[in-house]
């Protein structure tokens, strides 16, 4: 019988008098890769806090390495030897790989740091998993894949028996994700346990031996073995599944006779003369299979990369990127990066109008019309609230409303579904669909295409092979030929089968 690494038994956790987790039970054994698919983010942060930090419980017990480390009766609580790896780095910038793995870990007691000796100690770990990383490289220069490998090695060296990986698929390419899965299996065979959190069932079943589905801060169902191959989407988010399927089947073909936007010869350290066209009303995904390429492309197209011109032509005339109001750019995590704090929702929206209506700040009638239009679009009047009172979903609606009032012809999105739960992904899909209905064309820049595929009319995949850039284009009718581990590809496959049967 395998050793049990973690068990939560009838845990009830409250914060400020509100019950977050209620009678929650969960366990992971040594050598197991346990999947967790949250349909919403309710209670997820609190669950990870309990697993890692042992906060006071209202009721229940937490066992780690088969010892009770936390209960509603205990007062003395220490942190568990658990590592949590997310889409954002926890490594210390300005320091190299060796220092982050060995020196900064708890329990390192050497007064004299012998860098050469530590490097020699690290090399067998890298060789063991077949990864080539420069031990003296500064961690801020690592790719997302390399950074996650370093964080896993740091956990292994520190003897952390449980490693939690949270939504890593949103920041690494498919090839890198397969390599990370291989590393996880390697260490699982050596007795380490993994908790793999992802909103996509297709990703979980690639690597996990068992999985649990979490909704409303409770475990709804668990699966293991052959049952992992059975579809789960229809049972637990049927409305979303039905809406997406209907949208995929109902999207009209795009008129590709005359391009609306053309980008010519985008060049950088990785991009070499990359060009693409965009047609009116089209949703185009540009998937970068290498994270370095994605970062360079988003920097150039957003205007953050000084000295680089994206070479954009809109309706046959050259434009200087996003200095033109005809093109908009939505950054990653727009609820945080594109909201003006210490302002009301109305003020956030009106910023997009001041170029077309200079009197917007002086005329109450104009602002009242803005409020009425927001209420008509979304049904809730939140524009007079300060943005710090708004939920993440409400803040995102403000960003999209601002884009609508700006009236661009093209909108670029950078990884719009990153770290979004099912409910939020549904909202983002609907908002992007609304832009398309208004005749606004969309370009989605992504490493992991995830739910973006459900809106797409065309996909361009960019990768690096032997240092050279390679591209491949897929039209909507070709999506069924994409790898089956990509979310929603099975829907396109079913449509192709239906069409073949009808013929």
Protein backbone atom coordinates (compact mmCIF):
# COMPACT_ATOMS: atom_id res chain seq x y z
CA UNK A 1 0.00 0.00 0.00
CA UNK A 2 1.35 3.42 -1.01
CA UNK A 3 2.17 6.01 1.59
CA UNK A 4 -0.41 8.77 1.87
CA UNK A 5 1.16 12.20 1.33
CA UNK A 6 -1.86 14.42 1.98
CA UNK A 7 -5.32 13.95 3.42
CA UNK A 8 -7.95 16.57 4.20
CA UNK A 9 -10.65 15.02 6.35
CA UNK A 10 -14.01 16.80 6.83
CA UNK A 11 -12.31 20.21 6.71
CA UNK A 12 -14.46 23.28 7.30
CA UNK A 13 -12.69 26.59 6.82
CA UNK A 14 -14.16 30.02 7.53
CA UNK A 15 -12.89 33.51 6.83
CA UNK A 16 -14.45 36.58 8.47
CA UNK A 17 -17.37 34.43 9.58
CA UNK A 18 -18.09 33.14 6.07
CA UNK A 19 -17.74 29.43 5.36
CA UNK A 20 -15.41 28.90 2.38
CA UNK A 21 -14.85 25.12 2.52
CA UNK A 22 -17.49 22.94 4.18
CA UNK A 23 -16.85 19.32 5.16
CA UNK A 24 -14.14 19.07 2.47
CA UNK A 25 -12.32 15.74 2.03
CA UNK A 26 -9.46 14.97 -0.33
CA UNK A 27 -6.33 12.78 -0.46
CA UNK A 28 -3.16 12.20 -2.54
CA UNK A 29 -0.80 9.22 -2.33
CA UNK A 30 2.94 9.03 -2.95
CA UNK A 31 3.80 8.49 -6.62
CA UNK A 32 0.41 9.83 -7.74
CA UNK A 33 -0.31 12.63 -10.19
CA UNK A 34 -3.69 13.86 -9.04
CA UNK A 35 -5.68 16.17 -11.31
CA UNK A 36 -8.00 18.89 -10.08
CA UNK A 37 -10.34 20.65 -12.51
CA UNK A 38 -11.99 23.71 -10.95
CA UNK A 39 -15.14 24.83 -12.77
CA UNK A 40 -14.87 28.06 -10.79
CA UNK A 41 -12.23 29.51 -8.51
CA UNK A 42 -14.41 29.41 -5.39
CA UNK A 43 -12.33 28.16 -2.47
CA UNK A 44 -9.29 27.27 -4.60
CA UNK A 45 -6.91 29.81 -3.05
CA UNK A 46 -8.08 28.82 0.42
CA UNK A 47 -7.57 25.12 -0.38
CA UNK A 48 -3.97 25.75 -1.43
CA UNK A 49 -3.40 27.86 1.69
CA UNK A 50 -4.61 24.96 3.86
CA UNK A 51 -2.40 22.47 2.01
CA UNK A 52 0.69 24.64 2.30
CA UNK A 53 0.37 26.84 5.40
CA UNK A 54 -2.05 25.15 7.85
CA UNK A 55 -4.25 28.14 8.80
CA UNK A 56 -6.70 27.69 11.72
CA UNK A 57 -9.62 25.43 10.87
CA UNK A 58 -13.22 25.70 12.03
CA UNK A 59 -13.44 21.91 11.93
CA UNK A 60 -11.61 18.95 10.44
CA UNK A 61 -8.13 17.47 10.17
CA UNK A 62 -5.17 17.77 7.81
CA UNK A 63 -2.67 14.90 7.56
CA UNK A 64 0.69 15.30 5.83
CA UNK A 65 3.00 12.31 5.39
CA UNK A 66 0.50 10.36 7.54
CA UNK A 67 0.87 12.74 10.50
CA UNK A 68 -1.83 15.10 11.72
CA UNK A 69 -0.38 18.58 11.08
CA UNK A 70 -3.53 20.65 11.54
CA UNK A 71 -6.90 20.28 13.20
CA UNK A 72 -9.66 22.42 14.66
CA UNK A 73 -8.27 21.63 18.13
CA UNK A 74 -4.57 22.34 17.56
CA UNK A 75 -2.81 25.66 18.13
CA UNK A 76 0.78 24.98 16.98
CA UNK A 77 0.97 24.81 13.21
CA UNK A 78 4.04 24.76 10.96
CA UNK A 79 4.16 25.00 7.18
CA UNK A 80 4.07 21.77 5.20
CA UNK A 81 6.86 20.79 2.81
CA UNK A 82 4.75 21.65 -0.23
CA UNK A 83 5.76 23.61 -3.34
CA UNK A 84 3.17 25.53 -5.39
CA UNK A 85 4.19 26.38 -8.97
CA UNK A 86 1.96 28.73 -10.94
CA UNK A 87 1.97 30.73 -14.15
CA UNK A 88 3.95 33.48 -12.39
CA UNK A 89 7.49 32.81 -11.23
CA UNK A 90 8.41 32.40 -7.56
CA UNK A 91 12.17 32.42 -8.29
CA UNK A 92 14.31 35.27 -6.99
CA UNK A 93 15.29 37.52 -9.88
CA UNK A 94 18.85 38.73 -10.19
CA UNK A 95 20.19 35.38 -9.01
CA UNK A 96 21.27 32.35 -11.02
CA UNK A 97 19.76 28.87 -11.26
CA UNK A 98 22.14 27.23 -8.77
CA UNK A 99 21.51 29.87 -6.11
CA UNK A 100 17.75 29.56 -6.44
CA UNK A 101 17.81 25.76 -6.21
CA UNK A 102 20.35 25.23 -3.43
CA UNK A 103 21.22 28.39 -1.50
CA UNK A 104 17.77 29.95 -1.07
CA UNK A 105 16.04 26.78 0.07
CA UNK A 106 15.14 26.39 3.76
CA UNK A 107 17.79 24.49 5.71
CA UNK A 108 20.84 25.61 3.69
CA UNK A 109 23.47 26.28 6.36
CA UNK A 110 26.78 26.67 4.53
CA UNK A 111 28.46 29.94 5.40
CA UNK A 112 30.80 29.73 2.41
CA UNK A 113 28.98 29.20 -0.88
CA UNK A 114 31.03 26.99 -3.22
CA UNK A 115 29.38 27.69 -6.55
CA UNK A 116 31.42 25.13 -8.52
CA UNK A 117 30.55 22.35 -6.07
CA UNK A 118 26.85 23.23 -6.17
CA UNK A 119 26.95 23.23 -9.97
CA UNK A 120 28.42 19.73 -9.94
CA UNK A 121 25.65 18.64 -7.58
CA UNK A 122 23.00 20.08 -9.91
CA UNK A 123 24.25 18.48 -13.15
CA UNK A 124 23.09 14.90 -12.30
CA UNK A 125 19.56 16.22 -11.69
CA UNK A 126 19.49 17.91 -15.13
CA UNK A 127 20.98 14.85 -16.83
CA UNK A 128 18.47 12.59 -15.09
CA UNK A 129 15.50 14.43 -16.65
CA UNK A 130 17.20 15.20 -19.97
CA UNK A 131 17.06 19.00 -19.73
CA UNK A 132 19.89 21.35 -20.67
CA UNK A 133 19.83 24.51 -18.54
CA UNK A 134 22.86 26.70 -17.82
CA UNK A 135 23.31 26.56 -14.01
CA UNK A 136 24.85 30.04 -14.00
CA UNK A 137 22.06 31.64 -16.04
CA UNK A 138 20.10 34.41 -14.35
CA UNK A 139 16.56 33.17 -13.77
CA UNK A 140 14.87 36.16 -15.42
CA UNK A 141 16.42 35.05 -18.73
CA UNK A 142 14.86 31.57 -18.56
CA UNK A 143 11.91 30.54 -20.67
CA UNK A 144 8.65 29.63 -18.91
CA UNK A 145 9.45 25.93 -19.39
CA UNK A 146 12.98 26.28 -17.97
CA UNK A 147 11.68 28.31 -15.04
CA UNK A 148 9.18 25.59 -14.14
CA UNK A 149 11.87 22.91 -14.40
CA UNK A 150 14.01 24.93 -11.97
CA UNK A 151 11.09 25.27 -9.55
CA UNK A 152 10.43 21.51 -9.70
CA UNK A 153 14.14 20.78 -9.08
CA UNK A 154 14.16 23.21 -6.17
CA UNK A 155 11.24 21.29 -4.64
CA UNK A 156 12.92 17.94 -5.24
CA UNK A 157 16.23 19.07 -3.73
CA UNK A 158 14.40 20.52 -0.72
CA UNK A 159 12.61 17.20 -0.19
CA UNK A 160 9.11 18.59 -0.72
CA UNK A 161 6.94 15.51 -1.03
CA UNK A 162 4.01 17.30 -2.71
CA UNK A 163 4.36 19.59 -5.72
CA UNK A 164 1.33 21.60 -6.86
CA UNK A 165 1.23 22.87 -10.45
CA UNK A 166 -1.48 25.44 -11.09
CA UNK A 167 -2.54 26.26 -14.67
CA UNK A 168 0.92 25.88 -16.17
CA UNK A 169 -0.61 25.02 -19.54
CA UNK A 170 -1.50 28.68 -20.09
CA UNK A 171 2.15 29.77 -20.33
CA UNK A 172 3.99 26.86 -21.97
CA UNK A 173 3.66 25.43 -25.46
CA UNK A 174 2.27 21.98 -26.22
CA UNK A 175 5.73 20.47 -26.78
CA UNK A 176 7.10 21.93 -23.54
CA UNK A 177 3.98 20.76 -21.70
CA UNK A 178 4.59 17.18 -22.85
CA UNK A 179 8.18 17.43 -21.60
CA UNK A 180 6.99 18.76 -18.23
CA UNK A 181 4.55 15.87 -18.02
CA UNK A 182 7.43 13.46 -18.63
CA UNK A 183 9.41 15.10 -15.81
CA UNK A 184 6.41 14.77 -13.50
CA UNK A 185 6.08 11.06 -14.30
CA UNK A 186 9.82 10.63 -13.70
CA UNK A 187 9.60 12.04 -10.17
CA UNK A 188 6.26 10.36 -9.46
CA UNK A 189 8.03 7.04 -10.09
CA UNK A 190 10.46 8.10 -7.36
CA UNK A 191 7.72 8.68 -4.81
CA UNK A 192 6.91 12.38 -5.23
CA UNK A 193 3.23 13.34 -5.40
CA UNK A 194 1.77 15.98 -7.72
CA UNK A 195 -1.47 17.97 -7.64
CA UNK A 196 -2.10 19.18 -11.20
CA UNK A 197 -4.68 21.98 -11.41
CA UNK A 198 -6.09 22.89 -14.81
CA UNK A 199 -9.45 24.17 -16.10
CA UNK A 200 -9.16 21.86 -19.13
CA UNK A 201 -10.07 18.19 -18.86
CA UNK A 202 -8.13 17.44 -22.07
CA UNK A 203 -4.94 18.57 -20.36
CA UNK A 204 -5.57 16.70 -17.11
CA UNK A 205 -6.21 13.33 -18.70
CA UNK A 206 -2.86 13.48 -20.56
CA UNK A 207 -0.84 13.07 -17.39
CA UNK A 208 -3.02 12.32 -14.35
CA UNK A 209 -3.76 8.92 -12.89
CA UNK A 210 -6.79 10.22 -10.98
CA UNK A 211 -8.76 13.47 -11.05
CA UNK A 212 -11.38 15.39 -9.10
CA UNK A 213 -13.78 18.01 -10.37
CA UNK A 214 -14.29 20.98 -8.04
CA UNK A 215 -17.21 23.40 -8.13
CA UNK A 216 -18.58 25.76 -5.51
CA UNK A 217 -15.66 24.97 -3.18
CA UNK A 218 -16.65 21.29 -3.10
CA UNK A 219 -15.55 18.08 -4.84
CA UNK A 220 -18.35 17.09 -7.23
CA UNK A 221 -16.91 13.86 -8.64
CA UNK A 222 -13.70 11.84 -8.88
CA UNK A 223 -12.42 9.63 -11.68
CA UNK A 224 -9.59 7.15 -12.15
CA UNK A 225 -8.34 4.63 -14.68
CA UNK A 226 -10.39 4.11 -17.83
CA UNK A 227 -13.12 6.51 -16.72
CA UNK A 228 -10.67 9.36 -17.35
CA UNK A 229 -11.23 8.84 -21.07
CA UNK A 230 -14.96 9.55 -20.80
CA UNK A 231 -16.07 13.13 -21.64
CA UNK A 232 -16.91 15.28 -18.64
CA UNK A 233 -17.88 18.58 -20.24
CA UNK A 234 -21.50 17.77 -21.08
CA UNK A 235 -22.33 16.71 -17.53
CA UNK A 236 -20.90 19.60 -15.54
CA UNK A 237 -20.93 22.65 -17.80
CA UNK A 238 -23.62 21.72 -20.29
CA UNK A 239 -24.80 25.31 -20.95
CA UNK A 240 -21.28 26.39 -21.87
CA UNK A 241 -20.70 23.25 -23.94
CA UNK A 242 -23.98 23.65 -25.84
CA UNK A 243 -23.35 27.35 -26.46
CA UNK A 244 -19.84 26.70 -27.78
CA UNK A 245 -20.97 23.81 -30.00
CA UNK A 246 -23.78 25.88 -31.47
CA UNK A 247 -21.42 28.79 -32.08
CA UNK A 248 -18.86 26.56 -33.84
CA UNK A 249 -21.54 25.13 -36.10
CA UNK A 250 -23.19 28.50 -36.76
CA UNK A 251 -20.20 30.72 -37.62
CA UNK A 252 -20.46 32.05 -41.16
CA UNK A 253 -17.61 31.87 -43.63
CA UNK A 254 -15.46 34.99 -43.91
CA UNK A 255 -15.10 36.96 -47.14
CA UNK A 256 -11.37 36.69 -47.88
CA UNK A 257 -11.29 38.63 -51.12
CA UNK A 258 -9.87 41.83 -49.63
CA UNK A 259 -7.82 41.96 -46.37
CA UNK A 260 -8.72 44.58 -43.79
CA UNK A 261 -5.34 44.53 -42.03
CA UNK A 262 -1.94 43.38 -43.21
CA UNK A 263 1.23 43.03 -41.12
CA UNK A 264 4.35 42.83 -43.23
CA UNK A 265 7.84 41.58 -42.34
CA UNK A 266 7.70 41.60 -38.54
CA UNK A 267 11.30 41.01 -37.47
CA UNK A 268 13.09 40.61 -34.17
CA UNK A 269 15.51 38.23 -32.46
CA UNK A 270 13.21 35.26 -33.17
CA UNK A 271 10.64 36.53 -35.67
CA UNK A 272 12.04 36.66 -39.19
CA UNK A 273 9.90 38.41 -41.81
CA UNK A 274 6.63 37.19 -40.35
CA UNK A 275 3.57 38.50 -42.18
CA UNK A 276 -0.16 37.91 -41.84
CA UNK A 277 -3.47 39.22 -43.16
CA UNK A 278 -6.76 39.76 -41.34
CA UNK A 279 -10.18 39.99 -42.97
CA UNK A 280 -13.21 41.96 -41.90
CA UNK A 281 -15.21 40.20 -39.19
CA UNK A 282 -12.58 37.46 -38.84
CA UNK A 283 -11.18 35.92 -35.66
CA UNK A 284 -7.56 34.92 -36.23
CA UNK A 285 -5.44 33.06 -33.68
CA UNK A 286 -1.68 33.38 -33.85
CA UNK A 287 -0.31 30.59 -31.67
CA UNK A 288 3.36 30.80 -30.76
CA UNK A 289 4.62 27.34 -29.85
CA UNK A 290 7.73 28.94 -28.33
CA UNK A 291 7.18 31.33 -25.41
CA UNK A 292 10.12 33.53 -26.45
CA UNK A 293 8.46 34.09 -29.85
CA UNK A 294 5.16 34.95 -28.15
CA UNK A 295 6.80 37.48 -25.84
CA UNK A 296 8.61 39.13 -28.75
CA UNK A 297 5.49 39.26 -30.92
CA UNK A 298 3.30 40.76 -28.18
CA UNK A 299 5.97 43.35 -27.39
CA UNK A 300 6.20 44.42 -31.05
CA UNK A 301 2.46 44.41 -31.79
CA UNK A 302 1.60 46.23 -28.56
CA UNK A 303 4.19 48.92 -29.24
CA UNK A 304 6.21 48.06 -26.11
CA UNK A 305 9.27 47.05 -28.17
CA UNK A 306 10.93 50.35 -29.06
CA UNK A 307 12.62 50.53 -32.43
CA UNK A 308 10.36 47.86 -33.98
CA UNK A 309 7.56 48.75 -36.38
CA UNK A 310 4.93 46.06 -36.89
CA UNK A 311 4.40 47.33 -40.43
CA UNK A 312 0.62 47.43 -40.08
CA UNK A 313 -1.51 48.47 -43.04
CA UNK A 314 -5.21 49.11 -42.41
CA UNK A 315 -7.39 49.40 -45.50
CA UNK A 316 -4.24 49.85 -47.57
CA UNK A 317 -2.69 52.69 -45.55
CA UNK A 318 0.18 52.46 -43.10
CA UNK A 319 -0.63 53.02 -39.42
CA UNK A 320 1.63 53.32 -36.40
CA UNK A 321 0.16 50.45 -34.44
CA UNK A 322 -1.91 51.41 -31.43
CA UNK A 323 -1.35 55.12 -31.74
CA UNK A 324 -4.29 54.83 -34.10
CA UNK A 325 -7.70 54.58 -32.45
CA UNK A 326 -8.72 52.20 -35.26
CA UNK A 327 -6.70 49.42 -33.63
CA UNK A 328 -7.00 48.38 -29.96
CA UNK A 329 -4.84 46.10 -27.84
CA UNK A 330 -6.05 44.13 -24.80
CA UNK A 331 -3.23 42.99 -22.53
CA UNK A 332 -3.01 39.85 -20.43
CA UNK A 333 -5.15 40.04 -17.29
CA UNK A 334 -7.02 43.19 -18.41
CA UNK A 335 -8.97 43.36 -15.14
CA UNK A 336 -5.68 44.38 -13.53
CA UNK A 337 -3.57 45.86 -16.35
CA UNK A 338 -6.17 47.94 -18.20
CA UNK A 339 -8.28 49.42 -15.44
CA UNK A 340 -7.54 52.89 -14.07
CA UNK A 341 -7.66 52.60 -10.31
CA UNK A 342 -9.07 55.34 -8.04
CA UNK A 343 -11.66 56.12 -10.72
CA UNK A 344 -15.28 55.17 -11.26
CA UNK A 345 -16.45 52.73 -13.87
CA UNK A 346 -17.97 55.60 -15.86
CA UNK A 347 -14.66 57.47 -15.90
CA UNK A 348 -12.90 54.32 -17.10
CA UNK A 349 -15.31 54.03 -20.03
CA UNK A 350 -15.27 57.71 -20.98
CA UNK A 351 -11.49 57.68 -21.47
CA UNK A 352 -12.17 55.93 -24.79
CA UNK A 353 -14.53 58.72 -25.86
CA UNK A 354 -12.49 61.84 -25.22
CA UNK A 355 -10.87 61.78 -28.68
CA UNK A 356 -14.26 61.67 -30.44
CA UNK A 357 -16.30 63.69 -27.94
CA UNK A 358 -13.98 66.27 -26.30
CA UNK A 359 -16.86 67.57 -24.20
CA UNK A 360 -17.51 64.19 -22.55
CA UNK A 361 -16.04 65.37 -19.25
CA UNK A 362 -18.14 68.57 -19.18
CA UNK A 363 -21.53 67.36 -20.41
CA UNK A 364 -23.62 65.28 -18.02
CA UNK A 365 -26.00 64.40 -20.84
CA UNK A 366 -23.22 62.55 -22.67
CA UNK A 367 -22.16 60.66 -19.56
CA UNK A 368 -25.78 59.76 -18.84
CA UNK A 369 -26.03 58.32 -22.35
CA UNK A 370 -22.88 56.28 -21.68
CA UNK A 371 -24.45 54.87 -18.51
CA UNK A 372 -27.67 53.99 -20.34
CA UNK A 373 -25.74 52.25 -23.12
CA UNK A 374 -23.73 50.20 -20.60
CA UNK A 375 -26.96 49.21 -18.84
CA UNK A 376 -28.51 48.19 -22.18
CA UNK A 377 -25.48 46.03 -23.06
CA UNK A 378 -24.87 44.31 -19.74
CA UNK A 379 -27.97 44.82 -17.63
CA UNK A 380 -26.22 46.01 -14.44
CA UNK A 381 -25.55 49.62 -13.50
CA UNK A 382 -22.07 49.64 -11.96
CA UNK A 383 -20.63 52.68 -13.69
CA UNK A 384 -20.90 54.95 -10.63
CA UNK A 385 -18.98 52.53 -8.41
CA UNK A 386 -15.26 52.88 -7.80
CA UNK A 387 -13.44 50.12 -9.64
CA UNK A 388 -11.98 48.69 -6.42
CA UNK A 389 -15.56 47.66 -5.52
CA UNK A 390 -16.01 45.62 -8.71
CA UNK A 391 -15.53 41.91 -9.26
CA UNK A 392 -13.06 40.58 -11.81
CA UNK A 393 -15.92 39.86 -14.24
CA UNK A 394 -17.29 43.41 -13.90
CA UNK A 395 -13.85 44.94 -14.46
CA UNK A 396 -13.44 42.88 -17.64
CA UNK A 397 -16.84 44.08 -18.88
CA UNK A 398 -15.66 47.66 -18.38
CA UNK A 399 -12.61 47.00 -20.57
CA UNK A 400 -14.73 45.54 -23.37
CA UNK A 401 -17.26 48.35 -23.09
CA UNK A 402 -14.44 50.87 -23.46
CA UNK A 403 -13.32 49.07 -26.63
CA UNK A 404 -16.86 49.20 -28.05
CA UNK A 405 -17.03 52.95 -27.43
CA UNK A 406 -13.59 53.40 -28.99
CA UNK A 407 -14.97 51.76 -32.18
CA UNK A 408 -11.77 50.19 -33.49
CA UNK A 409 -11.75 48.09 -36.64
CA UNK A 410 -9.30 45.56 -35.17
CA UNK A 411 -8.64 44.34 -31.61
CA UNK A 412 -5.54 42.36 -30.58
CA UNK A 413 -5.80 40.15 -27.47
CA UNK A 414 -2.89 38.64 -25.58
CA UNK A 415 -3.84 35.33 -23.92
CA UNK A 416 -7.38 36.45 -22.99
CA UNK A 417 -8.29 33.15 -21.27
CA UNK A 418 -5.25 32.89 -19.04
CA UNK A 419 -6.17 31.98 -15.43
CA UNK A 420 -9.92 32.26 -16.16
CA UNK A 421 -12.36 29.73 -14.71
CA UNK A 422 -15.22 28.27 -16.75
CA UNK A 423 -17.67 31.03 -15.80
CA UNK A 424 -15.22 33.78 -16.74
CA UNK A 425 -14.18 32.00 -19.96
CA UNK A 426 -17.84 31.87 -20.93
CA UNK A 427 -18.14 35.63 -20.37
CA UNK A 428 -14.95 36.41 -22.33
CA UNK A 429 -16.14 34.25 -25.26
CA UNK A 430 -19.48 36.06 -25.28
CA UNK A 431 -17.83 39.50 -25.16
CA UNK A 432 -15.51 38.64 -28.04
CA UNK A 433 -18.47 37.26 -29.95
CA UNK A 434 -20.21 40.59 -29.43
CA UNK A 435 -17.22 42.42 -30.95
CA UNK A 436 -17.33 40.13 -34.00
CA UNK A 437 -21.06 40.77 -34.45
CA UNK A 438 -20.29 44.50 -34.49
CA UNK A 439 -17.95 43.91 -37.44
CA UNK A 440 -14.77 44.26 -35.37
CA UNK A 441 -12.01 41.85 -36.39
CA UNK A 442 -10.03 40.01 -33.71
CA UNK A 443 -6.46 38.71 -33.47
CA UNK A 444 -5.71 36.46 -30.48
CA UNK A 445 -2.03 36.02 -29.58
CA UNK A 446 -1.53 32.92 -27.46
CA UNK A 447 0.81 30.15 -26.37
CA UNK A 448 -2.06 27.84 -25.44
CA UNK A 449 -5.08 28.37 -27.67
CA UNK A 450 -7.54 26.77 -25.21
CA UNK A 451 -11.05 28.23 -25.63
CA UNK A 452 -9.98 30.71 -28.31
CA UNK A 453 -10.39 27.93 -30.87
CA UNK A 454 -14.16 28.04 -30.40
CA UNK A 455 -14.33 31.53 -31.97
CA UNK A 456 -11.56 31.17 -34.54
CA UNK A 457 -11.98 31.27 -38.29
CA UNK A 458 -8.28 30.69 -38.91
CA UNK A 459 -5.21 29.58 -36.94
CA UNK A 460 -1.54 30.32 -37.63
CA UNK A 461 0.94 28.24 -35.61
CA UNK A 462 4.51 29.52 -35.28
CA UNK A 463 7.38 27.43 -33.99
CA UNK A 464 11.15 27.32 -33.92
CA UNK A 465 12.93 24.32 -35.42
CA UNK A 466 16.73 24.21 -35.35
CA UNK A 467 16.71 27.95 -34.72
CA UNK A 468 14.51 28.69 -37.76
CA UNK A 469 10.96 30.00 -37.68
CA UNK A 470 8.31 27.75 -39.19
CA UNK A 471 4.64 28.60 -39.71
CA UNK A 472 1.57 26.55 -40.58
CA UNK A 473 -1.92 27.84 -41.29
CA UNK A 474 -5.22 26.08 -40.57
CA UNK A 475 -8.63 27.15 -41.84
CA UNK A 476 -11.69 26.33 -39.77
CA UNK A 477 -12.42 23.19 -41.78
CA UNK A 478 -8.91 21.95 -40.88
CA UNK A 479 -9.25 22.28 -37.09
CA UNK A 480 -10.26 18.62 -36.75
CA UNK A 481 -6.69 17.68 -37.79
CA UNK A 482 -5.16 19.49 -34.78
CA UNK A 483 -3.87 17.36 -31.86
CA UNK A 484 -6.77 15.88 -29.89
CA UNK A 485 -5.35 17.12 -26.58
CA UNK A 486 -6.24 20.70 -27.59
CA UNK A 487 -9.57 21.71 -25.97
CA UNK A 488 -12.64 21.58 -28.26
CA UNK A 489 -10.89 19.79 -31.15
CA UNK A 490 -13.22 16.83 -30.54
CA UNK A 491 -16.20 19.09 -31.39
CA UNK A 492 -14.66 19.94 -34.78
CA UNK A 493 -13.99 16.22 -35.32
CA UNK A 494 -17.64 15.41 -34.58
CA UNK A 495 -18.77 18.11 -37.05
CA UNK A 496 -16.51 16.65 -39.75
CA UNK A 497 -17.97 13.17 -39.11
CA UNK A 498 -21.53 14.56 -39.30
CA UNK A 499 -20.74 16.31 -42.58
CA UNK A 500 -19.13 13.16 -44.00
CA UNK A 501 -22.16 11.11 -42.95
CA UNK A 502 -24.54 13.62 -44.53
CA UNK A 503 -22.61 13.55 -47.78
